Protein backbone atom coordinates (compact mmCIF):
# COMPACT_ATOMS: atom_id res chain seq x y z
CA MET A 1 -20.29 -29.80 -44.58
CA THR A 2 -20.71 -32.23 -41.62
CA ARG A 3 -17.16 -31.29 -40.50
CA ASN A 4 -17.86 -27.66 -40.67
CA ASN A 5 -21.08 -28.21 -38.52
CA ASN A 6 -19.12 -30.16 -36.01
CA PHE A 7 -16.55 -27.29 -35.73
CA VAL A 8 -19.27 -24.75 -35.20
CA THR A 9 -20.87 -26.90 -32.41
CA LYS A 10 -17.59 -27.29 -30.65
CA PHE A 11 -16.54 -23.66 -30.74
CA LYS A 12 -19.98 -22.86 -29.19
CA ARG A 13 -18.40 -23.68 -25.76
CA LEU A 14 -16.53 -20.47 -26.24
CA GLY A 15 -19.45 -18.44 -27.07
CA ILE A 16 -18.49 -18.31 -30.68
CA VAL A 17 -21.44 -18.37 -32.94
CA SER A 18 -21.03 -19.37 -36.57
CA ARG A 19 -23.48 -20.46 -39.16
CA THR A 20 -24.20 -24.13 -39.77
CA ILE A 21 -24.84 -25.31 -43.26
CA GLN A 22 -27.94 -27.20 -44.12
CA ALA A 23 -27.83 -30.18 -46.38
CA PRO A 24 -29.86 -29.77 -49.43
CA LYS A 25 -32.69 -32.02 -50.40
CA ASP A 26 -31.97 -34.49 -53.13
CA THR A 27 -34.76 -32.75 -55.22
CA ASP A 28 -32.76 -29.42 -54.96
CA ILE A 29 -29.71 -30.62 -56.89
CA ASN A 30 -29.47 -31.75 -60.41
CA PHE A 31 -26.47 -32.08 -62.78
CA GLU A 32 -26.94 -28.58 -64.18
CA THR A 33 -26.92 -26.83 -60.76
CA LEU A 34 -24.22 -29.03 -59.20
CA THR A 35 -21.34 -26.72 -60.03
CA ASP A 36 -23.12 -23.58 -58.53
CA PHE A 37 -24.11 -25.77 -55.56
CA VAL A 38 -20.55 -26.80 -54.78
CA GLU A 39 -19.24 -23.23 -55.16
CA LYS A 40 -21.76 -21.86 -52.85
CA LEU A 41 -21.07 -24.59 -50.35
CA ASN A 42 -17.44 -23.89 -50.29
CA GLU A 43 -18.18 -20.25 -49.92
CA GLN A 44 -20.41 -20.82 -46.95
CA VAL A 45 -17.91 -23.15 -45.30
CA ASN A 46 -15.03 -20.62 -45.77
CA GLU A 47 -17.14 -17.90 -44.29
CA SER A 48 -18.01 -19.96 -41.32
CA LEU A 49 -14.52 -21.02 -40.67
CA LEU A 50 -13.18 -17.56 -41.12
CA SER A 51 -15.70 -16.14 -38.47
CA ILE A 52 -14.54 -18.94 -36.14
CA ARG A 53 -10.88 -18.03 -36.63
CA ASN A 54 -11.64 -14.31 -36.34
CA SER A 55 -13.40 -14.75 -33.10
CA VAL A 56 -10.72 -17.10 -31.65
CA THR A 57 -8.08 -14.45 -32.57
CA SER A 58 -10.16 -11.68 -30.83
CA ILE A 59 -10.39 -13.88 -27.78
CA ASP A 60 -6.74 -14.32 -27.71
CA GLN A 61 -5.79 -10.76 -28.29
CA ALA A 62 -7.93 -9.95 -25.36
CA LEU A 63 -6.49 -12.59 -23.08
CA GLU A 64 -2.98 -11.66 -24.01
CA GLU A 65 -3.58 -8.06 -23.06
CA LEU A 66 -5.31 -8.98 -19.87
CA LEU A 67 -3.43 -12.03 -18.68
CA GLY A 68 -0.23 -12.21 -20.91
CA ARG A 69 -1.07 -15.61 -22.46
CA ARG A 70 -3.44 -16.96 -25.03
CA ILE A 71 -5.50 -20.11 -25.72
CA VAL A 72 -3.63 -20.67 -29.01
CA ALA A 73 0.00 -20.61 -28.40
CA ASN A 74 1.26 -21.16 -31.88
CA ASN A 75 0.24 -18.51 -34.41
CA GLU A 76 0.25 -20.93 -37.17
CA TYR A 77 -2.71 -22.66 -35.71
CA TYR A 78 -4.94 -19.72 -36.58
CA ASP A 79 -4.86 -20.81 -40.17
CA ASP A 80 -5.39 -24.44 -39.42
CA VAL A 81 -8.87 -25.28 -38.54
CA LEU A 82 -7.92 -28.83 -37.40
CA SER A 83 -5.27 -27.36 -35.05
CA LEU A 84 -7.85 -24.82 -33.68
CA ASP A 85 -10.31 -27.57 -33.24
CA ASN A 86 -7.75 -29.67 -31.29
CA VAL A 87 -6.75 -26.73 -29.01
CA VAL A 88 -10.36 -25.81 -28.02
CA GLY A 89 -11.20 -29.49 -27.73
CA THR A 90 -8.59 -29.81 -24.92
CA LEU A 91 -9.11 -26.48 -23.37
CA ASN A 92 -9.78 -26.32 -19.73
CA PRO A 93 -11.74 -22.89 -19.44
CA GLU A 94 -11.79 -22.86 -15.67
CA VAL A 95 -8.06 -22.15 -15.65
CA PHE A 96 -8.64 -18.86 -17.68
CA ASP A 97 -12.00 -18.11 -15.88
CA GLN A 98 -10.19 -18.29 -12.52
CA GLU A 99 -7.71 -15.64 -13.49
CA ILE A 100 -10.30 -13.53 -15.02
CA ARG A 101 -12.37 -13.68 -11.82
CA MET A 102 -9.25 -12.69 -9.80
CA CYS A 103 -8.76 -9.81 -12.25
CA THR A 104 -12.45 -8.62 -11.90
CA ASN A 105 -12.11 -8.80 -8.12
CA ASN A 106 -9.16 -6.40 -8.26
CA MET A 107 -11.04 -4.09 -10.61
CA ARG A 108 -13.98 -4.02 -8.17
CA ALA A 109 -11.59 -2.99 -5.35
CA LEU A 110 -9.93 -0.30 -7.31
CA LEU A 111 -13.19 1.19 -8.45
CA GLU A 112 -13.67 2.24 -4.83
CA THR A 113 -10.94 5.06 -5.59
CA VAL A 114 -12.85 6.44 -8.66
CA SER A 115 -14.45 9.66 -7.83
CA ASP A 116 -16.73 10.02 -10.82
CA ASN A 117 -19.76 8.08 -9.76
CA GLU A 118 -21.33 7.72 -13.18
CA VAL A 119 -18.05 6.06 -14.46
CA ARG A 120 -17.73 3.91 -11.34
CA TYR A 121 -21.23 2.48 -11.57
CA GLU A 122 -21.01 2.02 -15.41
CA LEU A 123 -17.82 -0.06 -14.95
CA LEU A 124 -19.10 -1.87 -11.90
CA ASN A 125 -22.22 -2.92 -13.86
CA SER A 126 -20.28 -4.08 -16.88
CA ILE A 127 -17.81 -6.13 -14.63
CA SER A 128 -20.72 -7.69 -12.61
CA ARG A 129 -22.58 -8.78 -15.79
CA ALA A 130 -19.38 -10.28 -17.21
CA ALA A 131 -18.82 -12.14 -13.82
CA LEU A 132 -22.14 -14.05 -14.36
CA LEU A 133 -21.10 -15.46 -17.86
CA PRO A 134 -19.21 -18.59 -18.29
CA PHE A 135 -15.75 -18.30 -19.98
CA SER A 136 -16.61 -17.21 -23.42
CA TYR A 137 -15.84 -14.65 -26.24
CA GLU A 138 -18.36 -12.20 -24.72
CA LYS A 139 -16.87 -12.44 -21.22
CA VAL A 140 -13.40 -11.99 -22.24
CA VAL A 141 -13.94 -9.04 -24.55
CA THR A 142 -16.29 -7.29 -22.05
CA VAL A 143 -13.74 -7.55 -19.38
CA GLN A 144 -11.00 -6.34 -21.65
CA MET A 145 -12.93 -3.34 -22.62
CA SER A 146 -13.83 -2.54 -19.15
CA ALA A 147 -10.23 -3.10 -17.91
CA LYS A 148 -8.76 -0.67 -20.60
CA LYS A 149 -11.22 1.94 -19.52
CA LEU A 150 -10.63 1.53 -15.87
CA LEU A 151 -6.85 1.65 -16.55
CA LYS A 152 -7.10 5.00 -18.09
CA VAL A 153 -9.52 6.41 -15.49
CA LEU A 154 -7.26 5.33 -12.65
CA SER A 155 -4.07 6.65 -14.27
CA ASP A 156 -5.75 10.05 -15.10
CA GLU A 157 -7.32 10.39 -11.65
CA TYR A 158 -4.19 9.27 -9.66
CA THR A 159 -2.08 11.70 -11.80
CA LYS A 160 -4.46 14.42 -11.05
CA GLU A 161 -4.39 13.71 -7.21
CA TYR A 162 -0.60 13.33 -7.27
CA LYS A 163 -0.13 16.76 -8.65
CA GLU A 164 -2.31 18.19 -5.98
CA LEU A 165 -0.41 16.45 -3.21
CA GLU A 166 2.86 17.73 -4.89
CA GLU A 167 1.67 21.26 -4.81
CA LEU A 168 0.52 20.78 -1.12
CA ASN A 169 3.87 19.32 -0.29
CA GLU A 170 5.73 22.25 -1.82
CA GLU A 171 3.65 24.53 0.72
CA THR A 172 3.91 22.28 3.90
CA ARG A 173 6.92 19.81 3.37
CA ALA A 174 5.28 17.49 5.62
CA ASP A 175 6.66 13.87 5.62
CA GLU A 176 3.16 12.36 5.56
CA VAL A 177 2.39 14.39 2.45
CA THR A 178 5.63 13.36 0.76
CA GLN A 179 5.03 9.57 1.60
CA ARG A 180 1.53 9.64 0.22
CA ALA A 181 2.44 11.38 -2.89
CA ASN A 182 5.10 8.72 -3.54
CA VAL A 183 2.43 6.07 -3.16
CA LEU A 184 0.31 7.69 -5.82
CA LYS A 185 3.53 8.03 -7.89
CA ASP A 186 4.22 4.24 -7.56
CA ALA A 187 0.71 3.48 -8.49
CA ILE A 188 0.76 5.54 -11.70
CA ALA A 189 4.01 3.84 -12.62
CA LEU A 190 2.47 0.50 -12.15
CA LEU A 191 -0.72 1.38 -14.20
CA ASN A 192 1.29 2.76 -17.03
CA GLY A 193 3.71 -0.24 -17.10
CA ASN A 194 4.20 -3.00 -19.69
CA ASP A 195 2.79 -5.95 -17.71
CA PRO A 196 -0.49 -7.43 -18.70
CA ILE A 197 -3.34 -5.38 -17.48
CA CYS A 198 -4.56 -7.76 -14.74
CA LYS A 199 -1.11 -7.94 -13.31
CA ARG A 200 -1.04 -4.24 -13.22
CA PHE A 201 -4.20 -4.23 -11.28
CA SER A 202 -3.06 -6.85 -8.88
CA ALA A 203 0.11 -4.76 -8.07
CA VAL A 204 -1.88 -1.55 -7.61
CA ASN A 205 -4.38 -3.35 -5.38
CA GLY A 206 -1.56 -4.24 -3.15
CA LEU A 207 -1.20 -0.41 -2.49
CA LEU A 208 -5.03 0.15 -2.12
CA TYR A 209 -4.92 0.97 1.59
CA GLU A 210 -2.17 3.56 1.21
CA ILE A 211 -3.76 4.86 -1.96
CA LYS A 212 -6.96 5.53 0.06
CA LYS A 213 -4.98 7.29 2.73
CA ALA A 214 -3.27 9.51 -0.08
CA LEU A 215 -6.70 10.45 -1.52
CA GLN A 216 -7.91 11.23 1.90
CA LEU A 217 -5.04 13.90 2.20
CA VAL A 218 -6.10 15.45 -1.06
CA ASP A 219 -9.66 15.79 0.36
CA MET A 220 -8.08 17.30 3.46
CA LYS A 221 -5.80 19.81 1.62
CA GLU A 222 -7.42 22.93 3.09
CA GLU A 223 -7.31 21.43 6.69
CA ILE A 224 -3.71 20.56 6.03
CA LYS A 225 -2.88 24.11 5.02
CA ALA A 226 -4.41 25.46 8.18
CA LEU A 227 -2.47 23.03 10.34
CA ASP A 228 0.58 24.29 8.55
CA SER A 229 -0.25 27.91 9.25
CA LEU A 230 -1.13 26.83 12.94
CA ALA A 231 2.39 25.12 13.28
CA LEU A 232 4.21 28.28 12.20
CA THR A 233 2.35 30.24 14.87
CA LEU A 234 2.40 27.55 17.68
CA GLY A 235 5.88 26.26 17.17
CA PRO A 236 7.75 29.06 18.87
CA VAL A 237 5.06 29.06 21.69
CA LEU A 238 5.64 25.33 22.23
CA GLN A 239 9.37 25.79 22.22
CA ALA A 240 9.04 28.33 24.99
CA LYS A 241 6.48 26.48 27.11
CA ARG A 242 7.76 22.95 26.28
CA ALA A 243 4.31 21.57 26.52
CA ILE A 244 0.68 22.51 25.54
CA PRO A 245 -2.53 20.52 26.34
CA VAL A 246 -3.81 18.87 23.17
CA SER A 247 -7.20 20.00 24.05
CA GLU A 248 -5.98 23.61 23.82
CA LEU A 249 -4.69 23.14 20.10
CA GLY A 250 -8.23 23.74 18.79
CA ILE A 251 -7.88 21.01 16.26
CA LYS A 252 -9.76 17.65 15.90
CA GLU A 253 -8.17 14.56 17.62
CA GLU A 254 -7.88 12.84 14.18
CA PHE A 255 -5.58 15.59 12.96
CA VAL A 256 -3.30 15.46 15.76
CA PRO A 257 -0.80 12.86 14.17
CA LEU A 258 -0.69 14.99 11.05
CA PHE A 259 -0.11 18.07 12.97
CA ILE A 260 2.87 16.42 14.74
CA SER A 261 4.24 15.52 11.45
CA ILE A 262 4.06 19.02 10.21
CA LEU A 263 5.70 20.35 13.40
CA ARG A 264 8.56 17.90 12.97
CA THR A 265 9.17 18.95 9.32
CA LYS A 266 9.59 22.48 10.92
CA GLY A 267 12.24 21.35 13.41
CA TYR A 268 10.09 20.79 16.49
CA ASP A 269 10.80 17.37 17.76
CA VAL A 270 7.36 16.64 19.64
CA ARG A 271 5.25 13.83 21.05
CA VAL A 272 2.00 13.39 22.80
CA GLU A 273 2.25 12.35 26.37
CA ASN A 274 -0.53 12.35 29.04
CA GLY A 275 -2.71 14.52 26.94
CA GLU A 276 0.01 17.10 26.20
CA LEU A 277 1.90 17.95 23.26
CA LYS A 278 5.55 18.05 24.30
CA ILE A 279 8.97 19.01 23.02
CA GLU A 280 11.34 16.02 23.30
CA GLU A 281 14.04 16.76 25.97
């Protein structure tokens, strides 16, 4: 009974709550009730230890999915309370907590690319609450659930945006559209890979700048279609005149590099020089 209560106290550092067993008063036990008492005591101890074991198993399943490693390296330890006790007693939670913190930082960054405001705020709130918790069962499982949801949201959203860029690319054949579509394709492959979830988020976060550029092109698809039509009309004129003032193109300055990219895919080798769009000699 004392040993069980010591286990319960030790596992509280992981946020695992199990029942302690109260010692009976001497007046509560007599010879006739001793057998029943021992059976009930054993039952309570077993329930308490099973609860602890199941909770540790859940934490490890979540950690393996997130980080690719566990608190308990040997599966046999799950059935040995003394081994579990030793593992938890020598655990440095800061090591795991630091990795989880890096993971949630990557998740926050990637949330910027989620278009659904309701989903974005829901996940941001969940991640922020978990970040305030010490390393514990609640923290690990909360991050796991949020990470799995974000993984699916990003995969679905990037796939949808990738298809739109592919359709746009079929119309324009612009190099920049092709490049941005390939960035989303790479991000989708990383998200759907076999690495631990946090490693996938880290890899995708490395593409975040390019991903945002790709998503901007999706938002600009109508403008890009208009630039493609303009290139078809203006290309022959530019070929004949050899140069046209940029101010006469009738497009925003921010669209000029993209317009040049579209012209080049149509066979016009152009550059901007001294405020003019020129055919390379």
